[in-house]
Each structure stands twice: as structure tokens, then as C-alpha cells.
N, C-alpha and C. Protein backbone atom coordinates (compact mmCIF):
# COMPACT_ATOMS: atom_id res chain seq x y z
N MET A 1 14.36 -18.77 15.81
CA MET A 1 15.55 -17.68 15.48
C MET A 1 15.24 -16.72 16.11
N LYS A 2 16.68 -16.08 16.46
CA LYS A 2 16.44 -15.36 17.36
C LYS A 2 17.16 -13.66 16.57
N GLU A 3 17.16 -12.87 17.81
CA GLU A 3 18.06 -11.69 17.01
C GLU A 3 19.01 -11.44 18.39
N ILE A 4 20.60 -10.96 17.98
CA ILE A 4 21.38 -10.69 18.76
C ILE A 4 21.68 -9.22 18.42
N ARG A 5 21.28 -8.25 19.30
CA ARG A 5 21.84 -7.12 19.61
C ARG A 5 23.31 -7.08 19.97
N ALA A 6 23.93 -6.23 19.76
CA ALA A 6 25.47 -5.60 20.68
C ALA A 6 25.81 -4.29 20.45
N ILE A 7 26.01 -3.97 21.35
CA ILE A 7 26.74 -2.43 21.50
C ILE A 7 28.44 -2.36 21.83
N ILE A 8 29.04 -2.33 20.91
CA ILE A 8 30.53 -2.59 21.05
C ILE A 8 31.28 -1.18 20.17
N ARG A 9 32.94 -0.94 20.79
CA ARG A 9 33.86 -0.02 20.27
C ARG A 9 33.41 -0.16 18.81
N PRO A 10 33.41 0.69 18.47
CA PRO A 10 33.36 1.10 17.05
C PRO A 10 34.80 0.60 16.07
N GLN A 11 36.20 0.87 16.62
CA GLN A 11 37.64 0.27 16.47
C GLN A 11 37.27 -1.35 16.35
N LYS A 12 36.54 -1.96 16.61
CA LYS A 12 36.05 -3.69 16.85
C LYS A 12 35.33 -3.95 15.65
N ILE A 13 34.79 -3.62 15.28
CA ILE A 13 34.19 -3.59 13.42
C ILE A 13 34.28 -4.57 12.92
N PRO A 14 35.91 -3.37 12.15
CA PRO A 14 36.82 -4.24 11.37
C PRO A 14 36.69 -5.77 11.44
N ARG A 15 37.40 -6.32 13.11
CA ARG A 15 37.70 -7.64 13.28
C ARG A 15 36.34 -8.44 13.11
N LEU A 16 35.48 -8.19 13.68
CA LEU A 16 34.07 -8.48 14.28
C LEU A 16 34.01 -8.98 12.64
N ARG A 17 33.76 -8.28 12.02
CA ARG A 17 33.18 -8.10 10.16
C ARG A 17 33.92 -9.62 9.93
N GLU A 18 35.29 -9.46 9.52
CA GLU A 18 36.01 -11.12 9.28
C GLU A 18 36.47 -12.16 10.15
N VAL A 19 35.48 -11.77 11.55
CA VAL A 19 36.13 -12.88 11.98
C VAL A 19 34.17 -13.82 10.95
N LEU A 20 33.26 -12.86 11.45
CA LEU A 20 32.21 -13.56 11.48
C LEU A 20 31.99 -13.70 10.43
N ARG A 21 32.25 -13.44 9.05
CA ARG A 21 32.25 -13.49 7.73
C ARG A 21 33.09 -14.97 7.38
N ALA A 22 33.88 -15.38 7.97
CA ALA A 22 34.15 -16.81 7.96
C ALA A 22 34.13 -17.42 8.88
N LEU A 23 32.51 -17.50 9.18
CA LEU A 23 31.43 -18.86 9.90
C LEU A 23 31.18 -18.95 8.58
N PRO A 24 30.46 -20.32 8.73
CA PRO A 24 29.60 -20.83 8.01
C PRO A 24 28.32 -21.35 8.05
N GLY A 25 28.01 -20.34 7.02
CA GLY A 25 26.11 -19.76 7.08
C GLY A 25 25.94 -18.60 8.23
N PHE A 26 26.77 -18.43 8.31
CA PHE A 26 26.24 -16.93 9.33
C PHE A 26 25.50 -15.68 8.21
N PRO A 27 24.81 -15.33 8.59
CA PRO A 27 23.21 -15.08 7.95
C PRO A 27 23.22 -13.59 7.84
N GLY A 28 24.87 -12.50 8.03
CA GLY A 28 24.78 -11.14 7.82
C GLY A 28 24.88 -10.00 9.06
N MET A 29 24.32 -8.47 9.00
CA MET A 29 24.55 -8.18 10.17
C MET A 29 24.60 -6.75 9.79
N THR A 30 23.79 -5.66 10.66
CA THR A 30 22.81 -4.22 10.33
C THR A 30 24.41 -4.03 11.12
N ILE A 31 24.97 -2.65 10.75
CA ILE A 31 25.74 -1.49 11.73
C ILE A 31 25.10 -0.07 11.55
N SER A 32 24.85 0.18 13.25
CA SER A 32 24.23 1.66 12.94
C SER A 32 25.85 2.28 14.56
N LYS A 33 25.31 3.75 13.76
CA LYS A 33 26.05 4.21 14.75
C LYS A 33 25.37 4.71 15.87
N ALA A 34 26.46 4.27 17.45
CA ALA A 34 24.67 4.63 18.51
C ALA A 34 26.20 5.72 19.29
N LEU A 35 25.82 6.45 20.70
CA LEU A 35 25.81 7.04 21.46
C LEU A 35 25.76 6.22 22.93
N GLY A 36 26.59 6.43 24.18
CA GLY A 36 25.76 5.58 24.88
C GLY A 36 26.90 6.50 25.83
N CYS A 37 26.41 5.93 27.49
CA CYS A 37 26.77 5.97 28.65
C CYS A 37 27.18 5.71 29.46
N GLY A 38 27.39 4.72 30.30
CA GLY A 38 27.15 3.51 31.13
C GLY A 38 26.99 4.13 32.59
N SER A 39 26.24 3.43 33.87
CA SER A 39 25.94 3.81 34.84
C SER A 39 26.88 4.39 35.83
N THR A 40 28.22 3.92 35.61
CA THR A 40 29.49 4.57 36.49
C THR A 40 29.40 5.83 36.37
N VAL A 41 29.07 6.79 37.19
CA VAL A 41 29.59 8.15 36.95
C VAL A 41 31.45 8.79 37.11
N ARG A 42 31.74 8.74 36.18
CA ARG A 42 33.07 9.46 35.96
C ARG A 42 33.30 10.31 35.94
N HIS A 43 32.12 11.54 35.59
CA HIS A 43 32.95 12.76 34.93
C HIS A 43 31.22 13.25 35.84
N VAL A 44 30.76 14.69 36.18
CA VAL A 44 29.97 14.90 36.34
C VAL A 44 29.69 16.14 35.61
N PRO A 45 28.91 16.32 34.68
CA PRO A 45 28.69 17.34 33.38
C PRO A 45 28.71 18.86 34.70
N HIS A 46 28.79 19.90 34.44
CA HIS A 46 28.78 20.96 35.37
C HIS A 46 27.86 22.30 33.80
N ASN A 47 27.60 21.95 32.75
CA ASN A 47 26.96 22.57 31.83
C ASN A 47 25.91 22.25 30.36
N ILE A 48 25.39 22.27 30.63
CA ILE A 48 24.50 21.97 29.33
C ILE A 48 25.30 21.29 27.95
N LYS A 49 25.99 22.08 27.74
CA LYS A 49 27.14 21.41 26.16
C LYS A 49 27.92 20.30 26.76
N GLU A 50 28.43 20.70 27.85
CA GLU A 50 28.66 18.87 28.89
C GLU A 50 27.79 17.76 28.70
N GLU A 51 26.33 18.34 28.52
CA GLU A 51 25.34 17.29 29.41
C GLU A 51 24.68 16.47 28.09
N LEU A 52 24.95 17.74 27.53
CA LEU A 52 24.60 17.22 25.84
C LEU A 52 25.59 16.03 24.95
N THR A 53 26.83 16.27 24.91
CA THR A 53 28.37 15.78 24.76
C THR A 53 28.65 14.27 25.55
N ASP A 54 28.21 14.24 26.87
CA ASP A 54 28.66 12.76 27.66
C ASP A 54 28.45 11.62 27.41
N PHE A 55 28.68 11.57 25.63
CA PHE A 55 28.45 10.07 25.54
C PHE A 55 29.83 9.57 24.93
N THR A 56 29.76 8.21 24.56
CA THR A 56 30.45 8.06 24.18
C THR A 56 30.56 7.05 22.84
N ASP A 57 30.95 6.98 21.78
CA ASP A 57 30.78 6.56 20.46
C ASP A 57 30.75 5.02 20.62
N LYS A 58 30.14 4.51 20.27
CA LYS A 58 29.56 3.09 20.74
C LYS A 58 28.97 2.67 18.39
N VAL A 59 28.66 1.24 18.26
CA VAL A 59 28.69 0.79 17.44
C VAL A 59 27.31 -0.63 17.93
N ARG A 60 26.56 -0.66 17.10
CA ARG A 60 25.25 -1.69 17.47
C ARG A 60 25.89 -2.39 16.86
N VAL A 61 25.71 -4.03 16.61
CA VAL A 61 25.24 -4.43 15.63
C VAL A 61 24.09 -5.35 15.96
N GLU A 62 23.64 -5.49 14.92
CA GLU A 62 22.26 -6.11 14.89
C GLU A 62 22.13 -7.47 13.62
N ILE A 63 21.83 -9.55 14.56
CA ILE A 63 22.24 -9.90 13.51
C ILE A 63 21.10 -10.77 14.19
N ILE A 64 20.27 -11.02 12.90
CA ILE A 64 19.29 -12.30 12.63
C ILE A 64 19.56 -13.77 11.92
N ALA A 65 19.79 -14.32 13.71
CA ALA A 65 20.02 -15.93 13.39
C ALA A 65 19.16 -17.37 13.82
N PRO A 66 19.37 -18.12 12.86
CA PRO A 66 19.18 -19.17 13.33
C PRO A 66 19.27 -20.26 14.00
N ASP A 67 18.71 -20.51 15.78
CA ASP A 67 18.00 -20.61 17.12
C ASP A 67 19.94 -21.55 17.36
N GLU A 68 20.88 -22.03 15.99
CA GLU A 68 21.59 -22.85 16.54
C GLU A 68 23.08 -22.27 16.56
N MET A 69 22.85 -20.53 15.92
CA MET A 69 24.16 -20.59 15.60
C MET A 69 23.77 -19.63 16.71
N VAL A 70 23.43 -19.45 17.70
CA VAL A 70 22.97 -18.54 18.46
C VAL A 70 25.06 -17.97 19.45
N ASP A 71 24.90 -19.36 20.51
CA ASP A 71 25.83 -19.98 20.55
C ASP A 71 27.08 -19.17 20.66
N LEU A 72 28.05 -19.52 18.83
CA LEU A 72 28.66 -19.54 18.51
C LEU A 72 29.25 -18.34 18.14
N LEU A 73 27.66 -17.57 17.67
CA LEU A 73 28.02 -15.89 17.42
C LEU A 73 28.44 -15.46 18.87
N LEU A 74 27.87 -15.73 19.24
CA LEU A 74 27.58 -14.75 20.74
C LEU A 74 29.11 -15.20 20.84
N ASP A 75 29.82 -16.06 20.62
CA ASP A 75 31.14 -16.52 22.22
C ASP A 75 31.80 -15.56 20.97
N HIS A 76 31.73 -15.29 19.72
CA HIS A 76 32.79 -14.98 18.13
C HIS A 76 32.76 -13.05 18.67
N ILE A 77 31.66 -12.56 19.10
CA ILE A 77 31.46 -11.54 19.43
C ILE A 77 31.76 -10.68 20.75
N VAL A 78 31.96 -11.48 21.79
CA VAL A 78 32.87 -11.44 22.77
C VAL A 78 34.22 -11.31 23.42
N GLN A 79 34.68 -12.52 22.56
CA GLN A 79 35.77 -12.67 21.99
C GLN A 79 36.64 -11.80 20.92
N VAL A 80 35.99 -10.99 20.35
CA VAL A 80 36.56 -9.65 19.60
C VAL A 80 36.56 -8.14 20.52
N ALA A 81 35.17 -8.21 20.71
CA ALA A 81 34.84 -7.43 21.46
C ALA A 81 35.44 -6.72 22.40
N THR A 82 35.80 -7.91 23.65
CA THR A 82 36.32 -7.63 24.55
C THR A 82 37.86 -6.93 24.65
N THR A 83 38.03 -5.86 25.54
CA THR A 83 39.28 -5.14 25.89
C THR A 83 40.09 -5.50 27.09
N GLY A 84 38.70 -5.82 28.46
CA GLY A 84 39.10 -6.13 29.54
C GLY A 84 39.01 -4.63 30.07
N GLN A 85 38.93 -3.54 29.91
CA GLN A 85 38.32 -2.60 30.23
C GLN A 85 36.74 -1.61 30.46
N THR A 86 36.12 -1.37 31.21
CA THR A 86 34.85 -0.71 31.07
C THR A 86 34.69 0.08 30.12
N GLY A 87 33.52 -0.79 29.74
CA GLY A 87 32.76 0.24 28.53
C GLY A 87 32.87 -1.10 27.31
N ASP A 88 33.21 -1.82 27.58
CA ASP A 88 33.52 -3.23 26.55
C ASP A 88 31.97 -2.76 25.98
N GLY A 89 30.82 -3.06 26.14
CA GLY A 89 30.11 -2.83 26.08
C GLY A 89 28.75 -4.17 26.40
N LEU A 90 27.89 -4.39 25.54
CA LEU A 90 26.72 -4.81 25.67
C LEU A 90 26.33 -6.57 25.09
N VAL A 91 25.66 -7.03 25.00
CA VAL A 91 25.55 -8.33 24.16
C VAL A 91 23.89 -8.73 24.50
N TRP A 92 22.89 -9.12 24.03
CA TRP A 92 21.44 -9.90 24.00
C TRP A 92 21.34 -10.21 23.20
N VAL A 93 20.29 -11.36 23.55
CA VAL A 93 19.62 -12.04 22.70
C VAL A 93 17.87 -11.76 23.01
N THR A 94 17.23 -11.82 21.18
CA THR A 94 16.14 -11.71 22.01
C THR A 94 15.15 -13.13 20.73
N ASP A 95 13.79 -13.62 20.70
CA ASP A 95 13.34 -14.10 20.05
C ASP A 95 12.54 -13.67 18.83
N VAL A 96 12.96 -14.15 17.58
CA VAL A 96 11.99 -13.11 17.09
C VAL A 96 10.94 -14.47 16.31
N GLN A 97 9.57 -14.11 16.51
CA GLN A 97 8.63 -14.73 15.68
C GLN A 97 9.14 -15.36 14.13
N LYS A 98 8.93 -14.39 13.48
CA LYS A 98 8.75 -13.95 12.02
C LYS A 98 9.43 -13.07 11.65
N ALA A 99 10.53 -13.55 10.38
CA ALA A 99 11.29 -12.90 9.79
C ALA A 99 11.14 -12.90 8.17
N LEU A 100 10.74 -12.35 7.31
CA LEU A 100 11.18 -12.52 5.96
C LEU A 100 11.53 -11.39 5.10
N PHE A 101 12.49 -12.19 4.32
CA PHE A 101 13.38 -10.76 3.10
C PHE A 101 12.58 -10.02 2.55
N ILE A 102 12.90 -9.37 2.12
CA ILE A 102 12.12 -8.11 1.50
C ILE A 102 12.59 -8.31 -0.03
N ARG A 103 12.83 -8.59 -0.92
CA ARG A 103 12.67 -8.44 -2.17
C ARG A 103 12.25 -7.97 -3.71
N LYS A 104 12.98 -7.76 -4.53
CA LYS A 104 12.38 -6.92 -5.70
C LYS A 104 12.07 -8.02 -6.79
N THR A 105 11.04 -8.44 -7.51
CA THR A 105 11.23 -9.59 -8.41
C THR A 105 11.17 -9.09 -9.86
N VAL A 106 12.27 -8.82 -10.22
CA VAL A 106 12.38 -7.86 -11.80
C VAL A 106 11.66 -8.88 -12.82
N GLY A 107 11.15 -8.00 -13.57
CA GLY A 107 10.05 -8.29 -14.38
C GLY A 107 8.48 -9.39 -14.19
N THR A 108 8.31 -9.22 -12.96
CA THR A 108 7.00 -9.42 -12.35
C THR A 108 6.23 -7.83 -12.00
N GLU A 109 4.90 -8.25 -12.80
CA GLU A 109 4.11 -6.70 -12.95
C GLU A 109 2.63 -7.91 -11.91
N SER A 110 1.96 -6.86 -11.31
CA SER A 110 0.94 -6.83 -11.24
C SER A 110 -0.09 -6.46 -12.13
N SER A 111 -1.46 -6.71 -12.66
CA SER A 111 -2.25 -6.32 -13.10
C SER A 111 -3.58 -5.80 -12.25
């Protein structure tokens, strides 16, 4: 099992959701707002206000997927997220040792 994380442009989320949900066996995803800045310096902040607001809105996508789906998911994420411009984002994969669904079973009580 792997965790796929991607940082992408927010406007790409509707299309990404549509494309990924169409895949058989798609395990679902979590989306979070994120702020970021790249390593390239285009603008040097001149005061503290600029220093604290010199970030670009991004979205973090997290997917826990079976090993056999990882390449397919990566291909789709990159295809949808690419604009050809600097700042399109980043995607990476890490190993997941164990993952469990948290479920509340209705009607089950312990004594």
C-alpha cells in the first residue's frame, strides 16, 4: 500500500476529482488547502507584510492506494495538473505500513 501526495493548483481539483472517480477501484482522496512558494525567486519581499503573504494558494491531495493502482493514479494526477507553467506542483509516493478504516458500528456496545 502507498500514500500518494500531490500539491497542485486549486482550479485543477474539479477535473481531477472527475477523472479519478471514473477509475475502477478508486479508493478516494483527501483534499486540504495549502500555501507554498517555490525555490525560484521572482519577487523579494520588502517588508514583513509581504514576507508573510508571499505565498501561492495550493491544494494538497492525499490518496492511500494499493500498490497496483499507484502508477495509474500518478499518470492521471500529472496529466490533469499540468499547465506547463512554473508552479504546477509536485507529486510523491511513500510506503504505508498499515492503514485501518475507522468505523462506528451501530448497535454494538461493550459492557
